[in-house]
Amino acid sequence: MRAQRVAIPKHHLEEDPNGLHWTGFRRSLRAARRSEDTITAYHRDLADLAWFHAGKDLADLKKIDIQEYFSARLERLAATTMAIRFRSQRAFYNWMVEEDIIQASPMKGMKEPAVDDVPPPIVEDSDLKALLKVCSGTSFEERRDHAVIRLFCEAGSPRVGEMAGIRLEDVDLRTDEVTVRGKGNKTRKVPLGPKCAQAIERYIRVRAKRPNAAASPMLWLSTLRKEAHDHLTVSGIAQMLERRCGQAGIAKIHPHQLRHTAAHVWMDAEGSEGDAMELFGWSSDAMPKRYGRSAKNSRARRAAKRKTIGDRL
């Protein structure tokens, strides 16, 4: 099922009776050093619940109210979308318990919506080449988009939120590495191949010529915002990729597909799972297996052809 966008009034959580709840929860997220993109996502997920139960205090909702919300939304939205909203709203109610606003979470004992754990498809080399070709020029935007796409394809491919959060100071072209800040503000270094390092170096040179570029510490500057030094956001990166796919005449590619593709290429080259955990910023050894399923069968067939004993007999 394909997720559908549900319009949510941006002002809703700032209104009574939930304004103070959101202000306090947002403060706790910032204290936990959550990114602004993550905080925006929490706002979206809580605003949807508040909009569904318009006029009600979220602190007064019962389990049956939450169940009614999920039952109705699952008729219109994908289970993956609702699983994300479930986690956001559960975190909110856990915070309310910790702050003694409510005695018990109305979501206690509720199970997260079941999701068919189907990994995203791997992006074919031909599509990647077409994607890079349409932004192979020398303009600021072409240099930027080319570098972003190449970095997504490297071993250790950043999550889209990590990509948006890269600062200029995080790029070390002496060692050809980029430092990214992952979940829980953990940092890791992504090594750059020669072509990716070259693409980033070329982008940095044209970046320096942008008006007010020095005013922004962020690496990826935007061309669409009001200020020249504003940077690409998570949604901006996704929109850029969708636009480039259209220009290349290929199916829409989500940023996360590129990360899955990079993990597939690593495993296809017989890279170890332990090294993959370090490079991709995974804390659980279940993650290499999950990412590896995207093209597990094709890798197995190629490995069989390389290692069959028949040709040695």
C-alpha atoms as a PDB file:
ATOM      1  CA  MET A   1       0.000   0.000   0.000  1.00  0.00           C
ATOM      2  CA  ARG A   2       1.256   3.453  -0.870  1.00  0.00           C
ATOM      3  CA  ALA A   3       1.141   6.085   1.857  1.00  0.00           C
ATOM      4  CA  GLN A   4      -1.179   9.039   1.272  1.00  0.00           C
ATOM      5  CA  ARG A   5      -0.492  12.508   2.562  1.00  0.00           C
ATOM      6  CA  VAL A   6      -2.908  13.757   5.207  1.00  0.00           C
ATOM      7  CA  ALA A   7      -3.125  17.525   5.527  1.00  0.00           C
ATOM      8  CA  ILE A   8      -2.475  18.654   9.099  1.00  0.00           C
ATOM      9  CA  PRO A   9      -2.975  22.245  10.323  1.00  0.00           C
ATOM     10  CA  LYS A  10       0.526  23.399  11.253  1.00  0.00           C
ATOM     11  CA  HIS A  11      -0.779  25.478  14.126  1.00  0.00           C
ATOM     12  CA  HIS A  12      -2.817  22.748  15.810  1.00  0.00           C
ATOM     13  CA  LEU A  13      -0.450  21.637  18.571  1.00  0.00           C
ATOM     14  CA  GLU A  14       0.296  25.228  19.530  1.00  0.00           C
ATOM     15  CA  GLU A  15      -3.352  25.739  20.475  1.00  0.00           C
ATOM     16  CA  ASP A  16      -4.907  24.921  23.838  1.00  0.00           C
ATOM     17  CA  PRO A  17      -5.380  22.425  25.361  1.00  0.00           C
ATOM     18  CA  ASN A  18      -2.204  20.807  23.986  1.00  0.00           C
ATOM     19  CA  GLY A  19       0.137  23.750  23.579  1.00  0.00           C
ATOM     20  CA  LEU A  20       1.913  23.300  26.903  1.00  0.00           C
ATOM     21  CA  HIS A  21       2.248  19.551  26.372  1.00  0.00           C
ATOM     22  CA  TRP A  22       3.974  20.075  23.040  1.00  0.00           C
ATOM     23  CA  THR A  23       6.227  22.827  24.410  1.00  0.00           C
ATOM     24  CA  GLY A  24       7.416  20.588  27.240  1.00  0.00           C
ATOM     25  CA  PHE A  25       7.879  17.531  25.044  1.00  0.00           C
ATOM     26  CA  ARG A  26       9.769  19.545  22.432  1.00  0.00           C
ATOM     27  CA  ARG A  27      12.040  20.876  25.172  1.00  0.00           C
ATOM     28  CA  SER A  28      12.803  17.319  26.294  1.00  0.00           C
ATOM     29  CA  LEU A  29      13.625  16.311  22.715  1.00  0.00           C
ATOM     30  CA  ARG A  30      16.039  19.197  22.369  1.00  0.00           C
ATOM     31  CA  ALA A  31      17.613  18.319  25.704  1.00  0.00           C
ATOM     32  CA  ALA A  32      18.116  14.807  24.333  1.00  0.00           C
ATOM     33  CA  ARG A  33      19.832  16.440  21.325  1.00  0.00           C
ATOM     34  CA  ARG A  34      17.302  15.292  18.782  1.00  0.00           C
ATOM     35  CA  SER A  35      17.653  17.006  15.406  1.00  0.00           C
ATOM     36  CA  GLU A  36      15.189  19.648  14.262  1.00  0.00           C
ATOM     37  CA  ASP A  37      14.073  17.300  11.488  1.00  0.00           C
ATOM     38  CA  THR A  38      13.273  14.637  14.105  1.00  0.00           C
ATOM     39  CA  ILE A  39      11.389  17.166  16.226  1.00  0.00           C
ATOM     40  CA  THR A  40       9.394  18.232  13.173  1.00  0.00           C
ATOM     41  CA  ALA A  41       8.484  14.590  12.549  1.00  0.00           C
ATOM     42  CA  TYR A  42       7.272  14.211  16.160  1.00  0.00           C
ATOM     43  CA  HIS A  43       5.172  17.364  15.736  1.00  0.00           C
ATOM     44  CA  ARG A  44       3.585  15.966  12.566  1.00  0.00           C
ATOM     45  CA  ASP A  45       2.724  12.655  14.214  1.00  0.00           C
ATOM     46  CA  LEU A  46       1.274  14.217  17.360  1.00  0.00           C
ATOM     47  CA  ALA A  47      -0.592  16.898  15.414  1.00  0.00           C
ATOM     48  CA  ASP A  48      -2.339  14.181  13.437  1.00  0.00           C
ATOM     49  CA  LEU A  49      -3.554  12.534  16.648  1.00  0.00           C
ATOM     50  CA  ALA A  50      -4.655  15.893  18.074  1.00  0.00           C
ATOM     51  CA  TRP A  51      -6.448  16.750  14.833  1.00  0.00           C
ATOM     52  CA  PHE A  52      -8.271  13.420  14.815  1.00  0.00           C
ATOM     53  CA  HIS A  53      -9.494  14.093  18.380  1.00  0.00           C
ATOM     54  CA  ALA A  54     -10.033  17.809  17.779  1.00  0.00           C
ATOM     55  CA  GLY A  55     -10.644  19.876  20.903  1.00  0.00           C
ATOM     56  CA  LYS A  56      -9.556  17.149  23.298  1.00  0.00           C
ATOM     57  CA  ASP A  57      -6.614  17.269  25.678  1.00  0.00           C
ATOM     58  CA  LEU A  58      -4.180  14.527  24.645  1.00  0.00           C
ATOM     59  CA  ALA A  59      -3.631  13.809  28.330  1.00  0.00           C
ATOM     60  CA  ASP A  60      -7.286  12.766  28.642  1.00  0.00           C
ATOM     61  CA  LEU A  61      -7.292  10.232  25.805  1.00  0.00           C
ATOM     62  CA  LYS A  62      -7.963   6.594  26.708  1.00  0.00           C
ATOM     63  CA  LYS A  63      -6.707   3.452  25.036  1.00  0.00           C
ATOM     64  CA  ILE A  64      -9.951   3.133  23.092  1.00  0.00           C
ATOM     65  CA  ASP A  65      -9.395   6.651  21.676  1.00  0.00           C
ATOM     66  CA  ILE A  66      -5.902   5.728  20.480  1.00  0.00           C
ATOM     67  CA  GLN A  67      -7.180   2.467  19.019  1.00  0.00           C
ATOM     68  CA  GLU A  68      -9.951   4.321  17.197  1.00  0.00           C
ATOM     69  CA  TYR A  69      -7.366   6.681  15.705  1.00  0.00           C
ATOM     70  CA  PHE A  70      -5.141   3.873  14.432  1.00  0.00           C
ATOM     71  CA  SER A  71      -8.079   1.893  13.091  1.00  0.00           C
ATOM     72  CA  ALA A  72      -9.254   4.869  11.043  1.00  0.00           C
ATOM     73  CA  ARG A  73      -5.820   5.916   9.811  1.00  0.00           C
ATOM     74  CA  LEU A  74      -4.810   2.408   8.748  1.00  0.00           C
ATOM     75  CA  GLU A  75      -7.671   2.507   6.255  1.00  0.00           C
ATOM     76  CA  ARG A  76      -5.937   5.396   4.460  1.00  0.00           C
ATOM     77  CA  LEU A  77      -2.232   5.219   5.281  1.00  0.00           C
ATOM     78  CA  ALA A  78       0.449   2.563   4.910  1.00  0.00           C
ATOM     79  CA  ALA A  79       1.295   0.400   7.917  1.00  0.00           C
ATOM     80  CA  THR A  80       4.891   1.649   7.746  1.00  0.00           C
ATOM     81  CA  THR A  81       3.670   5.234   8.158  1.00  0.00           C
ATOM     82  CA  MET A  82       1.455   4.314  11.089  1.00  0.00           C
ATOM     83  CA  ALA A  83       4.238   2.306  12.741  1.00  0.00           C
ATOM     84  CA  ILE A  84       6.339   5.479  12.769  1.00  0.00           C
ATOM     85  CA  ARG A  85       3.465   7.490  14.219  1.00  0.00           C
ATOM     86  CA  PHE A  86       2.894   4.787  16.823  1.00  0.00           C
ATOM     87  CA  ARG A  87       6.496   5.139  18.053  1.00  0.00           C
ATOM     88  CA  SER A  88       6.295   8.943  18.135  1.00  0.00           C
ATOM     89  CA  GLN A  89       3.054   8.956  20.087  1.00  0.00           C
ATOM     90  CA  ARG A  90       4.263   6.238  22.459  1.00  0.00           C
ATOM     91  CA  ALA A  91       7.368   8.320  23.237  1.00  0.00           C
ATOM     92  CA  PHE A  92       5.140  11.329  23.905  1.00  0.00           C
ATOM     93  CA  TYR A  93       2.936   9.435  26.350  1.00  0.00           C
ATOM     94  CA  ASN A  94       5.960   7.895  28.068  1.00  0.00           C
ATOM     95  CA  TRP A  95       7.257  11.433  28.562  1.00  0.00           C
ATOM     96  CA  MET A  96       3.908  12.466  30.058  1.00  0.00           C
ATOM     97  CA  VAL A  97       4.183   9.614  32.563  1.00  0.00           C
ATOM     98  CA  GLU A  98       7.756  10.586  33.464  1.00  0.00           C
ATOM     99  CA  GLU A  99       6.604  14.170  34.035  1.00  0.00           C
ATOM    100  CA  ASP A 100       3.670  13.015  36.233  1.00  0.00           C
ATOM    101  CA  ILE A 101       1.170  14.590  33.837  1.00  0.00           C
ATOM    102  CA  ILE A 102      -0.651  11.256  33.610  1.00  0.00           C
ATOM    103  CA  GLN A 103      -0.371   8.143  35.754  1.00  0.00           C
ATOM    104  CA  ALA A 104      -0.183   5.597  32.948  1.00  0.00           C
ATOM    105  CA  SER A 105       0.206   5.705  29.194  1.00  0.00           C
ATOM    106  CA  PRO A 106      -2.997   4.964  27.270  1.00  0.00           C
ATOM    107  CA  MET A 107      -0.749   3.130  24.801  1.00  0.00           C
ATOM    108  CA  LYS A 108       0.544   0.684  27.402  1.00  0.00           C
ATOM    109  CA  GLY A 109       0.064  -2.841  26.112  1.00  0.00           C
ATOM    110  CA  MET A 110      -0.770  -1.688  22.579  1.00  0.00           C
ATOM    111  CA  LYS A 111       1.120  -3.399  19.772  1.00  0.00           C
ATOM    112  CA  GLU A 112       2.784  -1.475  16.991  1.00  0.00           C
ATOM    113  CA  PRO A 113       1.042  -1.869  13.610  1.00  0.00           C
ATOM    114  CA  ALA A 114       2.438  -4.912  11.842  1.00  0.00           C
ATOM    115  CA  VAL A 115       4.561  -4.054   8.844  1.00  0.00           C
ATOM    116  CA  ASP A 116       5.542  -6.362   6.025  1.00  0.00           C
ATOM    117  CA  ASP A 117       9.315  -6.109   6.402  1.00  0.00           C
ATOM    118  CA  VAL A 118      10.065  -5.916   2.696  1.00  0.00           C
ATOM    119  CA  PRO A 119      13.365  -4.158   2.005  1.00  0.00           C
ATOM    120  CA  PRO A 120      13.396  -1.468  -0.671  1.00  0.00           C
ATOM    121  CA  PRO A 121      14.592  -2.551  -4.113  1.00  0.00           C
ATOM    122  CA  ILE A 122      18.215  -2.135  -5.097  1.00  0.00           C
ATOM    123  CA  VAL A 123      18.952   0.667  -7.575  1.00  0.00           C
ATOM    124  CA  GLU A 124      20.479  -0.681 -10.773  1.00  0.00           C
ATOM    125  CA  ASP A 125      23.835   0.662 -11.965  1.00  0.00           C
ATOM    126  CA  SER A 126      22.206   1.877 -15.197  1.00  0.00           C
ATOM    127  CA  ASP A 127      19.793   4.063 -13.212  1.00  0.00           C
ATOM    128  CA  LEU A 128      22.596   5.427 -11.033  1.00  0.00           C
ATOM    129  CA  LYS A 129      24.618   6.320 -14.116  1.00  0.00           C
ATOM    130  CA  ALA A 130      21.601   8.074 -15.643  1.00  0.00           C
ATOM    131  CA  LEU A 131      21.031   9.937 -12.385  1.00  0.00           C
ATOM    132  CA  LEU A 132      24.636  11.148 -12.214  1.00  0.00           C
ATOM    133  CA  LYS A 133      24.619  12.096 -15.894  1.00  0.00           C
ATOM    134  CA  VAL A 134      21.788  14.621 -15.539  1.00  0.00           C
ATOM    135  CA  CYS A 135      23.752  16.527 -12.888  1.00  0.00           C
ATOM    136  CA  SER A 136      27.223  16.229 -14.399  1.00  0.00           C
ATOM    137  CA  GLY A 137      27.470  19.905 -15.380  1.00  0.00           C
ATOM    138  CA  THR A 138      29.432  22.687 -13.710  1.00  0.00           C
ATOM    139  CA  SER A 139      26.681  24.843 -12.159  1.00  0.00           C
ATOM    140  CA  PHE A 140      26.326  25.148  -8.389  1.00  0.00           C
ATOM    141  CA  GLU A 141      23.206  22.992  -8.295  1.00  0.00           C
ATOM    142  CA  GLU A 142      24.662  20.318 -10.575  1.00  0.00           C
ATOM    143  CA  ARG A 143      27.894  20.127  -8.581  1.00  0.00           C
ATOM    144  CA  ARG A 144      25.931  19.866  -5.323  1.00  0.00           C
ATOM    145  CA  ASP A 145      23.471  17.226  -6.481  1.00  0.00           C
ATOM    146  CA  HIS A 146      26.204  15.153  -8.115  1.00  0.00           C
ATOM    147  CA  ALA A 147      28.201  15.140  -4.863  1.00  0.00           C
ATOM    148  CA  VAL A 148      25.152  14.268  -2.719  1.00  0.00           C
ATOM    149  CA  ILE A 149      24.239  11.306  -4.926  1.00  0.00           C
ATOM    150  CA  ARG A 150      27.800  10.007  -4.990  1.00  0.00           C
ATOM    151  CA  LEU A 151      28.072  10.241  -1.200  1.00  0.00           C
ATOM    152  CA  PHE A 152      24.830   8.268  -0.842  1.00  0.00           C
ATOM    153  CA  CYS A 153      26.479   5.512  -2.902  1.00  0.00           C
ATOM    154  CA  GLU A 154      29.604   5.177  -0.761  1.00  0.00           C
ATOM    155  CA  ALA A 155      30.214   2.370   1.750  1.00  0.00           C
ATOM    156  CA  GLY A 156      28.814   3.860   4.948  1.00  0.00           C
ATOM    157  CA  SER A 157      26.138   5.758   3.004  1.00  0.00           C
ATOM    158  CA  PRO A 158      24.599   8.389   5.319  1.00  0.00           C
ATOM    159  CA  ARG A 159      20.974   8.273   6.362  1.00  0.00           C
ATOM    160  CA  VAL A 160      19.096  11.161   4.779  1.00  0.00           C
ATOM    161  CA  GLY A 161      18.974  13.011   8.112  1.00  0.00           C
ATOM    162  CA  GLU A 162      22.707  12.526   8.495  1.00  0.00           C
ATOM    163  CA  MET A 163      23.276  13.814   4.967  1.00  0.00           C
ATOM    164  CA  ALA A 164      21.294  16.978   5.694  1.00  0.00           C
ATOM    165  CA  GLY A 165      23.269  17.512   8.900  1.00  0.00           C
ATOM    166  CA  ILE A 166      26.779  17.400   7.417  1.00  0.00           C
ATOM    167  CA  ARG A 167      28.791  20.536   8.109  1.00  0.00           C
ATOM    168  CA  LEU A 168      31.533  21.991   5.980  1.00  0.00           C
ATOM    169  CA  GLU A 169      34.028  21.268   8.759  1.00  0.00           C
ATOM    170  CA  ASP A 170      33.048  17.580   8.651  1.00  0.00           C
ATOM    171  CA  VAL A 171      34.709  17.136   5.252  1.00  0.00           C
ATOM    172  CA  ASP A 172      38.398  16.202   5.347  1.00  0.00           C
ATOM    173  CA  LEU A 173      39.819  16.120   1.836  1.00  0.00           C
ATOM    174  CA  ARG A 174      43.292  15.345   3.133  1.00  0.00           C
ATOM    175  CA  THR A 175      42.162  11.906   4.286  1.00  0.00           C
ATOM    176  CA  ASP A 176      39.111  11.760   1.977  1.00  0.00           C
ATOM    177  CA  GLU A 177      36.631  11.176   4.797  1.00  0.00           C
ATOM    178  CA  VAL A 178      33.356  12.751   5.888  1.00  0.00           C
ATOM    179  CA  THR A 179      32.225  12.725   9.509  1.00  0.00           C
ATOM    180  CA  VAL A 180      28.492  12.154   9.947  1.00  0.00           C
ATOM    181  CA  ARG A 181      26.398  12.443  13.092  1.00  0.00           C
ATOM    182  CA  GLY A 182      24.131   9.458  13.484  1.00  0.00           C
ATOM    183  CA  LYS A 183      21.386   8.413  15.859  1.00  0.00           C
ATOM    184  CA  GLY A 184      22.006   9.397  19.449  1.00  0.00           C
ATOM    185  CA  ASN A 185      24.492  12.004  18.184  1.00  0.00           C
ATOM    186  CA  LYS A 186      27.057   9.266  17.562  1.00  0.00           C
ATOM    187  CA  THR A 187      29.648  10.148  14.969  1.00  0.00           C
ATOM    188  CA  ARG A 188      31.365   7.977  12.415  1.00  0.00           C
ATOM    189  CA  LYS A 189      33.625   8.539   9.430  1.00  0.00           C
ATOM    190  CA  VAL A 190      32.582   7.628   5.903  1.00  0.00           C
ATOM    191  CA  PRO A 191      35.572   6.985   3.612  1.00  0.00           C
ATOM    192  CA  LEU A 192      35.338   8.528   0.172  1.00  0.00           C
ATOM    193  CA  GLY A 193      36.266   6.883  -3.085  1.00  0.00           C
ATOM    194  CA  PRO A 194      38.291   9.008  -5.535  1.00  0.00           C
ATOM    195  CA  LYS A 195      35.294  10.014  -7.682  1.00  0.00           C
ATOM    196  CA  CYS A 196      33.178  10.942  -4.657  1.00  0.00           C
ATOM    197  CA  ALA A 197      36.007  12.970  -3.102  1.00  0.00           C
ATOM    198  CA  GLN A 198      36.517  14.736  -6.425  1.00  0.00           C
ATOM    199  CA  ALA A 199      32.794  15.522  -6.677  1.00  0.00           C
ATOM    200  CA  ILE A 200      32.712  16.986  -3.153  1.00  0.00           C
ATOM    201  CA  GLU A 201      35.870  19.013  -3.776  1.00  0.00           C
ATOM    202  CA  ARG A 202      34.374  20.477  -6.964  1.00  0.00           C
ATOM    203  CA  TYR A 203      31.171  21.320  -5.103  1.00  0.00           C
ATOM    204  CA  ILE A 204      33.048  23.029  -2.266  1.00  0.00           C
ATOM    205  CA  ARG A 205      34.843  25.245  -4.793  1.00  0.00           C
ATOM    206  CA  VAL A 206      31.574  26.487  -6.345  1.00  0.00           C
ATOM    207  CA  ARG A 207      29.987  26.685  -2.886  1.00  0.00           C
ATOM    208  CA  ALA A 208      32.621  29.205  -1.822  1.00  0.00           C
ATOM    209  CA  LYS A 209      31.442  31.548  -4.589  1.00  0.00           C
ATOM    210  CA  ARG A 210      27.840  31.627  -3.360  1.00  0.00           C
ATOM    211  CA  PRO A 211      26.694  34.903  -1.759  1.00  0.00           C
ATOM    212  CA  ASN A 212      26.828  34.662   2.043  1.00  0.00           C
ATOM    213  CA  ALA A 213      28.097  31.065   1.885  1.00  0.00           C
ATOM    214  CA  ALA A 214      30.461  31.748   4.769  1.00  0.00           C
ATOM    215  CA  ALA A 215      27.463  32.533   6.978  1.00  0.00           C
ATOM    216  CA  SER A 216      26.354  28.888   6.980  1.00  0.00           C
ATOM    217  CA  PRO A 217      28.287  26.064   8.643  1.00  0.00           C
ATOM    218  CA  MET A 218      26.267  23.481   6.689  1.00  0.00           C
ATOM    219  CA  LEU A 219      27.793  21.721   3.684  1.00  0.00           C
ATOM    220  CA  TRP A 220      24.813  21.466   1.342  1.00  0.00           C
ATOM    221  CA  LEU A 221      23.479  24.949   0.608  1.00  0.00           C
ATOM    222  CA  SER A 222      20.008  25.411  -0.845  1.00  0.00           C
ATOM    223  CA  THR A 223      19.019  27.287  -3.974  1.00  0.00           C
ATOM    224  CA  LEU A 224      15.320  27.359  -3.163  1.00  0.00           C
ATOM    225  CA  ARG A 225      15.204  29.087   0.207  1.00  0.00           C
ATOM    226  CA  LYS A 226      14.956  32.836   0.745  1.00  0.00           C
ATOM    227  CA  GLU A 227      18.472  33.189   2.101  1.00  0.00           C
ATOM    228  CA  ALA A 228      21.447  32.134  -0.010  1.00  0.00           C
ATOM    229  CA  HIS A 229      23.096  30.479   3.000  1.00  0.00           C
ATOM    230  CA  ASP A 230      20.127  28.252   3.922  1.00  0.00           C
ATOM    231  CA  HIS A 231      20.878  24.549   3.621  1.00  0.00           C
ATOM    232  CA  LEU A 232      19.196  21.465   2.201  1.00  0.00           C
ATOM    233  CA  THR A 233      16.763  19.784   4.579  1.00  0.00           C
ATOM    234  CA  VAL A 234      15.682  16.146   4.634  1.00  0.00           C
ATOM    235  CA  SER A 235      12.658  16.957   2.485  1.00  0.00           C
ATOM    236  CA  GLY A 236      14.818  19.115   0.215  1.00  0.00           C
ATOM    237  CA  ILE A 237      17.166  16.195  -0.447  1.00  0.00           C
ATOM    238  CA  ALA A 238      14.245  13.878  -1.224  1.00  0.00           C
ATOM    239  CA  GLN A 239      12.731  16.475  -3.563  1.00  0.00           C
ATOM    240  CA  MET A 240      16.067  16.973  -5.297  1.00  0.00           C
ATOM    241  CA  LEU A 241      16.427  13.258  -5.871  1.00  0.00           C
ATOM    242  CA  GLU A 242      12.878  12.955  -7.194  1.00  0.00           C
ATOM    243  CA  ARG A 243      13.465  15.873  -9.574  1.00  0.00           C
ATOM    244  CA  ARG A 244      16.713  14.372 -10.871  1.00  0.00           C
ATOM    245  CA  CYS A 245      15.017  10.997 -11.405  1.00  0.00           C
ATOM    246  CA  GLY A 246      12.398  12.730 -13.529  1.00  0.00           C
ATOM    247  CA  GLN A 247      15.076  14.418 -15.588  1.00  0.00           C
ATOM    248  CA  ALA A 248      16.879  11.097 -16.018  1.00  0.00           C
ATOM    249  CA  GLY A 249      13.696   9.357 -17.122  1.00  0.00           C
ATOM    250  CA  ILE A 250      13.883   6.703 -14.405  1.00  0.00           C
ATOM    251  CA  ALA A 251      11.517   5.601 -11.649  1.00  0.00           C
ATOM    252  CA  LYS A 252      11.480   7.629  -8.438  1.00  0.00           C
ATOM    253  CA  ILE A 253      14.276   6.711  -6.045  1.00  0.00           C
ATOM    254  CA  HIS A 254      14.029   7.368  -2.309  1.00  0.00           C
ATOM    255  CA  PRO A 255      17.256   8.323  -0.473  1.00  0.00           C
ATOM    256  CA  HIS A 256      16.968   5.200   1.684  1.00  0.00           C
ATOM    257  CA  GLN A 257      17.121   3.030  -1.431  1.00  0.00           C
ATOM    258  CA  LEU A 258      20.588   4.403  -2.115  1.00  0.00           C
ATOM    259  CA  ARG A 259      21.702   3.442   1.398  1.00  0.00           C
ATOM    260  CA  HIS A 260      20.327  -0.071   0.899  1.00  0.00           C
ATOM    261  CA  THR A 261      22.080  -0.240  -2.460  1.00  0.00           C
ATOM    262  CA  ALA A 262      25.397   0.797  -0.909  1.00  0.00           C
ATOM    263  CA  ALA A 263      24.991  -1.924   1.736  1.00  0.00           C
ATOM    264  CA  HIS A 264      24.198  -4.480  -0.972  1.00  0.00           C
ATOM    265  CA  VAL A 265      27.326  -3.530  -2.945  1.00  0.00           C
ATOM    266  CA  TRP A 266      29.434  -3.858   0.213  1.00  0.00           C
ATOM    267  CA  MET A 267      28.120  -7.346   0.960  1.00  0.00           C
ATOM    268  CA  ASP A 268      28.334  -8.385  -2.679  1.00  0.00           C
ATOM    269  CA  ALA A 269      32.046  -7.536  -2.497  1.00  0.00           C
ATOM    270  CA  GLU A 270      32.256  -9.884   0.509  1.00  0.00           C
ATOM    271  CA  GLY A 271      32.700  -7.066   3.001  1.00  0.00           C
ATOM    272  CA  SER A 272      32.339  -8.265   6.583  1.00  0.00           C
ATOM    273  CA  GLU A 273      29.235  -7.624   8.663  1.00  0.00           C
ATOM    274  CA  GLY A 274      31.380  -6.244  11.482  1.00  0.00           C
ATOM    275  CA  ASP A 275      32.939  -3.629   9.211  1.00  0.00           C
ATOM    276  CA  ALA A 276      29.506  -2.849   7.767  1.00  0.00           C
ATOM    277  CA  MET A 277      28.219  -2.071  11.267  1.00  0.00           C
ATOM    278  CA  GLU A 278      31.030   0.436  11.778  1.00  0.00           C
ATOM    279  CA  LEU A 279      30.689   2.025   8.354  1.00  0.00           C
ATOM    280  CA  PHE A 280      26.895   2.307   8.252  1.00  0.00           C
ATOM    281  CA  GLY A 281      26.462   3.219  11.924  1.00  0.00           C
ATOM    282  CA  TRP A 282      24.465   0.166  12.990  1.00  0.00           C
ATOM    283  CA  SER A 283      24.349  -0.733  16.676  1.00  0.00           C
ATOM    284  CA  SER A 284      22.583  -4.076  16.226  1.00  0.00           C
ATOM    285  CA  ASP A 285      23.997  -7.062  14.351  1.00  0.00           C
ATOM    286  CA  ALA A 286      20.481  -7.632  13.005  1.00  0.00           C
ATOM    287  CA  MET A 287      20.816  -4.590  10.765  1.00  0.00           C
ATOM    288  CA  PRO A 288      23.383  -6.010   8.291  1.00  0.00           C
ATOM    289  CA  LYS A 289      21.073  -8.989   7.794  1.00  0.00           C
ATOM    290  CA  ARG A 290      18.046  -6.754   7.304  1.00  0.00           C
ATOM    291  CA  TYR A 291      19.814  -4.552   4.766  1.00  0.00           C
ATOM    292  CA  GLY A 292      21.423  -7.538   3.130  1.00  0.00           C
ATOM    293  CA  ARG A 293      18.042  -9.035   2.212  1.00  0.00           C
ATOM    294  CA  SER A 294      17.484  -6.384  -0.477  1.00  0.00           C
ATOM    295  CA  ALA A 295      19.376  -8.463  -3.062  1.00  0.00           C
ATOM    296  CA  LYS A 296      20.336 -11.534  -1.084  1.00  0.00           C
ATOM    297  CA  ASN A 297      19.300 -14.014  -3.755  1.00  0.00           C
ATOM    298  CA  SER A 298      21.206 -12.320  -6.581  1.00  0.00           C
ATOM    299  CA  ARG A 299      24.333 -12.117  -4.413  1.00  0.00           C
ATOM    300  CA  ALA A 300      24.027 -15.795  -3.563  1.00  0.00           C
ATOM    301  CA  ARG A 301      23.785 -16.738  -7.252  1.00  0.00           C
ATOM    302  CA  ARG A 302      26.838 -14.685  -8.145  1.00  0.00           C
ATOM    303  CA  ALA A 303      28.780 -16.148  -5.225  1.00  0.00           C
ATOM    304  CA  ALA A 304      27.845 -19.643  -6.391  1.00  0.00           C
ATOM    305  CA  LYS A 305      29.208 -18.920  -9.848  1.00  0.00           C
ATOM    306  CA  ARG A 306      32.468 -17.628  -8.386  1.00  0.00           C
ATOM    307  CA  LYS A 307      32.937 -20.461  -5.935  1.00  0.00           C
ATOM    308  CA  THR A 308      31.492 -23.545  -7.593  1.00  0.00           C
ATOM    309  CA  ILE A 309      33.796 -26.566  -7.422  1.00  0.00           C
ATOM    310  CA  GLY A 310      32.488 -27.945 -10.706  1.00  0.00           C
ATOM    311  CA  ASP A 311      34.864 -25.944 -12.892  1.00  0.00           C
ATOM    312  CA  ARG A 312      37.859 -27.188 -10.895  1.00  0.00           C
ATOM    313  CA  LEU A 313      37.129 -30.849 -11.538  1.00  0.00           C
END
